[in-house]
Amino acid sequence: MNSSGSKNCFLQAPAFRHGVHDRLHQQILRLQVATMQGRDLCPSVEEVQGWIKQAQMLMANG
């Protein structure tokens, strides 16, 4: 299996999909607070979900 196929399998795995939005959002929030000392510029969970969907579409098409 090529690397693109294995990435697609990973992105579609239930363990990856379950809670990934919240975990990624928490990591971004921690980074934002650590680097900018504030939460106000951190993207919302919905915005992170959109990024993940876009990445999945890119993986499927590329």
Protein backbone atom coordinates (compact mmCIF):
# COMPACT_ATOMS: atom_id res chain seq x y z
CA MET A 1 0.00 0.00 0.00
CA ASN A 2 1.39 3.42 -0.86
CA SER A 3 1.70 6.21 1.69
CA SER A 4 -1.39 8.00 0.36
CA GLY A 5 -3.50 4.89 0.85
CA SER A 6 -2.24 4.33 4.37
CA LYS A 7 -2.95 7.98 5.25
CA ASN A 8 -6.48 7.66 3.90
CA CYS A 9 -7.05 4.51 5.97
CA PHE A 10 -5.75 6.32 9.04
CA LEU A 11 -8.03 9.32 8.49
CA GLN A 12 -11.05 7.05 8.09
CA ALA A 13 -10.33 4.86 11.14
CA PRO A 14 -12.95 5.19 13.91
CA ALA A 15 -10.27 5.80 16.54
CA PHE A 16 -9.00 8.78 14.56
CA ARG A 17 -12.43 10.27 13.92
CA HIS A 18 -13.70 9.86 17.47
CA GLY A 19 -12.87 13.00 19.38
CA VAL A 20 -10.11 14.16 17.08
CA HIS A 21 -11.71 17.58 16.68
CA ASP A 22 -11.77 18.16 20.42
CA ARG A 23 -8.23 16.86 20.96
CA LEU A 24 -6.81 18.95 18.15
CA HIS A 25 -8.70 22.00 19.39
CA GLN A 26 -7.28 21.49 22.90
CA GLN A 27 -3.74 21.22 21.51
CA ILE A 28 -4.19 24.39 19.44
CA LEU A 29 -5.64 26.16 22.46
CA ARG A 30 -2.65 25.18 24.62
CA LEU A 31 -0.24 26.36 21.94
CA GLN A 32 -2.15 29.63 21.54
CA VAL A 33 -2.17 30.33 25.26
CA ALA A 34 1.52 29.41 25.60
CA THR A 35 2.68 31.57 22.71
CA MET A 36 0.25 34.49 22.81
CA GLN A 37 -0.85 34.41 26.47
CA GLY A 38 -4.49 34.50 25.43
CA ARG A 39 -7.39 32.39 24.23
CA ASP A 40 -9.08 35.06 22.13
CA LEU A 41 -7.26 34.24 18.88
CA CYS A 42 -7.62 30.47 19.14
CA PRO A 43 -9.79 28.94 16.40
CA SER A 44 -13.11 27.44 17.39
CA VAL A 45 -13.82 23.70 17.41
CA GLU A 46 -15.97 24.24 14.31
CA GLU A 47 -13.07 25.88 12.47
CA VAL A 48 -10.78 22.99 13.40
CA GLN A 49 -13.44 20.55 12.14
CA GLY A 50 -13.45 22.44 8.84
CA TRP A 51 -9.66 22.14 8.58
CA ILE A 52 -9.86 18.40 9.19
CA LYS A 53 -12.56 17.98 6.52
CA GLN A 54 -10.46 19.99 4.06
CA ALA A 55 -7.40 17.84 4.80
CA GLN A 56 -9.46 14.68 4.31
CA MET A 57 -10.73 15.98 0.94
CA LEU A 58 -7.17 16.81 -0.12
CA MET A 59 -6.02 13.32 0.85
CA ALA A 60 -8.90 11.74 -1.08
CA ASN A 61 -8.17 13.79 -4.20
CA GLY A 62 -4.41 13.81 -4.10
